[in-house]
Protein backbone atom coordinates (compact mmCIF):
# COMPACT_ATOMS: atom_id res chain seq x y z
CA MET A 1 267.71 189.22 -109.98
CA ALA A 2 271.17 187.79 -110.50
CA GLU A 3 270.01 184.30 -109.41
CA THR A 4 267.11 184.45 -111.88
CA ASN A 5 269.43 185.37 -114.74
CA LYS A 6 271.87 182.62 -113.81
CA LYS A 7 269.01 180.11 -113.75
CA LEU A 8 267.87 181.25 -117.20
CA TYR A 9 271.41 180.88 -118.51
CA MET A 10 271.76 177.34 -117.12
CA GLU A 11 268.41 176.34 -118.61
CA MET A 12 269.45 177.75 -121.96
CA GLN A 13 272.70 175.80 -121.89
CA MET A 14 270.84 172.58 -121.05
CA ASP A 15 268.35 173.15 -123.88
CA GLU A 16 271.16 173.68 -126.37
CA LEU A 17 272.97 170.57 -125.14
CA LYS A 18 269.83 168.43 -125.45
CA ALA A 19 269.17 169.73 -128.95
CA SER A 20 272.74 168.97 -129.98
CA LEU A 21 272.56 165.41 -128.60
CA GLU A 22 269.29 164.78 -130.42
CA GLU A 23 270.79 165.92 -133.73
CA ASN A 24 273.91 163.79 -133.28
CA ASN A 25 271.94 160.65 -132.42
CA GLU A 26 269.28 160.88 -135.14
CA ASP A 27 271.16 158.57 -137.49
CA LEU A 28 271.42 155.89 -134.78
CA ASN A 29 267.65 155.68 -134.19
CA THR A 30 266.03 153.14 -136.57
CA ASP A 31 262.89 151.01 -136.43
CA ASN A 32 262.60 147.26 -137.13
CA ASN A 33 262.37 147.98 -140.87
CA ASN A 34 265.71 149.80 -140.79
CA ASN A 35 263.95 153.10 -141.38
CA LYS A 36 265.07 156.14 -139.46
CA VAL A 37 262.77 156.91 -136.59
CA GLU A 38 261.76 160.53 -136.65
CA VAL A 39 262.99 162.09 -133.45
CA SER A 40 260.46 164.46 -131.95
CA SER A 41 262.16 167.84 -131.87
CA LYS A 42 261.32 169.99 -128.92
CA LYS A 43 263.43 172.91 -130.02
CA LYS A 44 261.29 176.01 -130.12
CA ASN A 45 261.69 179.05 -132.24
CA LYS A 46 264.08 181.10 -130.13
CA SER A 47 262.40 184.38 -130.98
CA ASN A 48 259.28 183.08 -129.23
CA ASP A 49 261.00 181.28 -126.41
CA GLU A 50 260.13 182.83 -123.07
CA LYS A 51 263.58 182.30 -121.59
CA ASN A 52 265.23 183.91 -124.61
CA ILE A 53 262.92 186.89 -124.37
CA GLU A 54 263.83 187.38 -120.72
CA LEU A 55 267.54 187.15 -121.52
CA ALA A 56 267.16 189.53 -124.46
CA LYS A 57 265.70 192.17 -122.17
CA MET A 58 269.06 192.35 -120.42
CA TYR A 59 270.64 193.70 -123.62
CA GLU A 60 267.94 196.20 -124.59
CA ASP A 61 269.52 199.19 -122.86
CA ILE A 62 272.96 198.31 -124.25
CA ALA A 63 271.55 198.10 -127.78
CA GLU A 64 269.95 201.53 -127.35
CA TYR A 65 273.18 203.02 -125.99
CA GLU A 66 275.19 201.45 -128.82
CA GLU A 67 272.87 202.98 -131.40
CA GLU A 68 273.15 206.40 -129.76
CA LEU A 69 276.93 206.05 -129.53
CA GLU A 70 277.17 205.25 -133.23
CA GLY A 71 275.08 208.33 -134.01
CA PHE A 72 277.28 210.60 -131.90
CA GLU A 73 280.43 209.21 -133.50
CA LYS A 74 279.05 209.83 -137.00
CA GLU A 75 278.07 213.39 -136.08
CA LEU A 76 281.54 214.02 -134.67
CA GLU A 77 283.18 212.74 -137.85
CA ILE A 78 281.01 215.00 -140.02
CA ILE A 79 281.72 218.06 -137.87
CA ASN A 80 285.46 217.38 -137.90
CA VAL A 81 285.75 217.21 -141.68
CA ASN A 82 283.48 220.11 -142.63
CA ALA A 83 283.92 223.86 -142.43
CA PHE A 84 281.75 225.54 -139.81
CA ASN A 85 279.33 227.06 -142.32
CA ALA A 86 278.80 223.65 -143.98
CA ILE A 87 278.17 221.56 -140.85
CA SER A 88 274.40 221.90 -140.72
CA ALA A 89 273.93 221.00 -144.40
CA ALA A 90 276.37 218.09 -144.12
CA LEU A 91 274.54 216.63 -141.13
CA THR A 92 271.20 217.02 -142.88
CA SER A 93 272.55 215.32 -146.01
CA GLU A 94 274.47 212.47 -144.38
CA LEU A 95 272.23 211.82 -141.36
CA PRO A 96 268.72 212.64 -142.63
CA ASP A 97 266.12 212.66 -139.86
CA ASP A 98 262.69 214.24 -140.24
CA GLU A 99 262.48 214.73 -136.49
CA ARG A 100 265.69 216.75 -136.27
CA ASN A 101 266.50 220.27 -137.37
CA TYR A 102 270.29 220.41 -137.24
CA GLU A 103 270.42 224.17 -137.83
CA ASN A 104 268.24 224.81 -134.78
CA GLU A 105 270.07 222.22 -132.68
CA LEU A 106 273.50 223.65 -133.40
CA LYS A 107 272.30 227.19 -132.91
CA GLY A 108 270.77 226.19 -129.58
CA ILE A 109 274.04 224.59 -128.45
CA LEU A 110 275.98 227.78 -129.25
CA ILE A 111 273.47 230.00 -127.47
CA ALA A 112 273.37 227.76 -124.39
CA THR A 113 277.17 227.57 -124.26
CA TRP A 114 277.65 231.32 -124.68
CA THR A 115 274.96 232.04 -122.06
CA HIS A 116 276.76 229.74 -119.64
CA LYS A 117 280.07 231.48 -120.32
CA ILE A 118 278.48 234.84 -119.51
CA GLU A 119 276.93 233.50 -116.32
CA MET A 120 280.28 232.05 -115.24
CA LYS A 121 282.02 235.39 -115.91
CA GLU A 122 284.17 233.88 -118.64
CA LEU A 123 285.46 235.89 -121.59
CA ALA A 124 282.16 236.09 -123.42
CA SER A 125 280.06 239.18 -124.04
CA GLN A 126 276.32 239.72 -124.20
CA GLU A 127 276.82 241.60 -127.46
CA MET A 128 278.53 238.61 -129.04
CA LEU A 129 275.68 236.39 -127.84
CA GLU A 130 273.22 238.67 -129.63
CA VAL A 131 275.24 238.32 -132.83
CA ILE A 132 275.06 234.53 -132.51
CA LYS A 133 271.30 234.67 -131.94
CA SER A 134 270.63 236.93 -134.92
CA SER A 135 272.91 235.20 -137.45
CA SER A 136 272.49 232.00 -139.40
CA LEU A 137 275.19 229.37 -139.10
CA ASN A 138 276.09 229.90 -142.75
CA ASN A 139 277.24 233.47 -142.20
CA LEU A 140 277.99 233.46 -138.46
CA ILE A 141 281.78 233.26 -138.74
CA GLU A 142 281.87 235.99 -141.38
CA THR A 143 279.61 238.20 -139.24
CA LEU A 144 281.72 237.67 -136.12
CA ASN A 145 284.94 238.40 -137.99
CA SER A 146 283.57 241.62 -139.44
CA THR A 147 281.97 242.72 -136.16
CA TYR A 148 285.03 241.93 -134.04
CA PRO A 149 288.09 242.48 -136.27
CA GLU A 150 290.20 242.96 -133.17
CA HIS A 151 289.38 239.47 -131.90
CA ASP A 152 292.60 237.67 -131.02
CA GLY A 153 291.63 234.18 -132.02
CA ASP A 154 289.92 231.99 -134.61
CA PHE A 155 286.12 232.04 -134.43
CA GLU A 156 285.91 229.03 -136.76
CA LYS A 157 287.99 226.82 -134.45
CA GLU A 158 286.45 228.23 -131.28
CA LEU A 159 282.85 227.60 -132.30
CA LYS A 160 283.55 224.20 -133.87
CA SER A 161 285.28 223.16 -130.65
CA ILE A 162 282.01 223.74 -128.80
CA PHE A 163 280.30 221.08 -130.93
CA ILE A 164 283.31 218.75 -130.80
CA ASN A 165 283.75 218.96 -127.04
CA ARG A 166 280.05 218.35 -126.48
CA LEU A 167 280.02 215.23 -128.67
CA ASN A 168 283.20 213.89 -127.07
CA MET A 169 281.52 214.25 -123.69
CA LEU A 170 278.35 212.49 -124.89
CA ILE A 171 280.43 209.68 -126.41
CA GLU A 172 282.26 209.09 -123.13
CA ILE A 173 278.98 209.10 -121.21
CA LYS A 174 277.46 206.49 -123.53
CA LYS A 175 280.57 204.33 -123.31
CA GLU A 176 280.35 204.45 -119.53
CA HIS A 177 276.66 203.51 -119.63
CA ILE A 178 277.46 200.52 -121.85
CA LYS A 179 280.26 199.44 -119.51
CA GLU A 180 277.92 199.60 -116.51
CA GLU A 181 275.32 197.46 -118.27
CA VAL A 182 277.96 194.95 -119.38
CA ASP A 183 279.27 194.74 -115.81
CA ASP A 184 275.74 193.97 -114.60
CA ILE A 185 275.54 191.06 -117.04
CA TYR A 186 278.86 189.69 -115.77
CA ILE A 187 277.65 190.08 -112.19
CA ALA A 188 274.57 188.02 -113.11
CA GLY A 189 276.92 185.21 -114.12
CA LEU A 190 276.38 185.59 -117.86
CA LYS A 191 278.57 186.43 -120.83
CA PRO A 192 277.61 189.66 -122.65
CA SER A 193 278.36 188.00 -126.01
CA PHE A 194 275.86 185.23 -125.19
CA VAL A 195 273.16 187.71 -124.14
CA LYS A 196 273.81 189.80 -127.26
CA ARG A 197 273.44 186.73 -129.47
CA ILE A 198 270.10 185.89 -127.87
CA TYR A 199 268.99 189.53 -128.21
CA LYS A 200 269.76 189.46 -131.94
CA GLN A 201 267.96 186.14 -132.38
CA VAL A 202 264.84 187.39 -130.60
CA HIS A 203 264.75 190.57 -132.68
CA GLY A 204 265.69 188.90 -135.95
CA ILE A 205 268.96 190.83 -136.28
CA LYS A 206 271.74 189.22 -138.31
């Protein structure tokens, strides 16, 4: 696989060199009537070039990871700057997505986290889990505070930290995935910046 990618890279470099030489020498090519001879250009549209397409495939996973990473980072920023009861609405407003229900997602994360805490015998009660299940995110903190006035802590910070810690973990995972893919490109004897440029050309990305 690495040898194939290196061969593609060398062929690409040769094609670019030939094209550059042809452009530089056009003005020197004239016929007997002192008219410029039209140089036959063999440069193909890179988006349709088979070698470019093969090279672009090497960046597809990275592009997907980068898009996911950007999404996680935006979510984290929104969660950090909003009060707990406003997080769901803020995500819906700033990151609209018909396929996502942020209220359900966030509620599911809380339930899964609290269930795990109970299973691991951490300081989490089944009764508190039932409160989380039966409350909306908009009034959850108020409900917890009124139900557990003796609670020695800050429910707002504690529950927000669940979302924040999860996103920080996902961000680190995506960064590691990108690093692994970039390392594979280096191992193949190519420069990630070169492969990214070809990927953008093939997909018409500026």
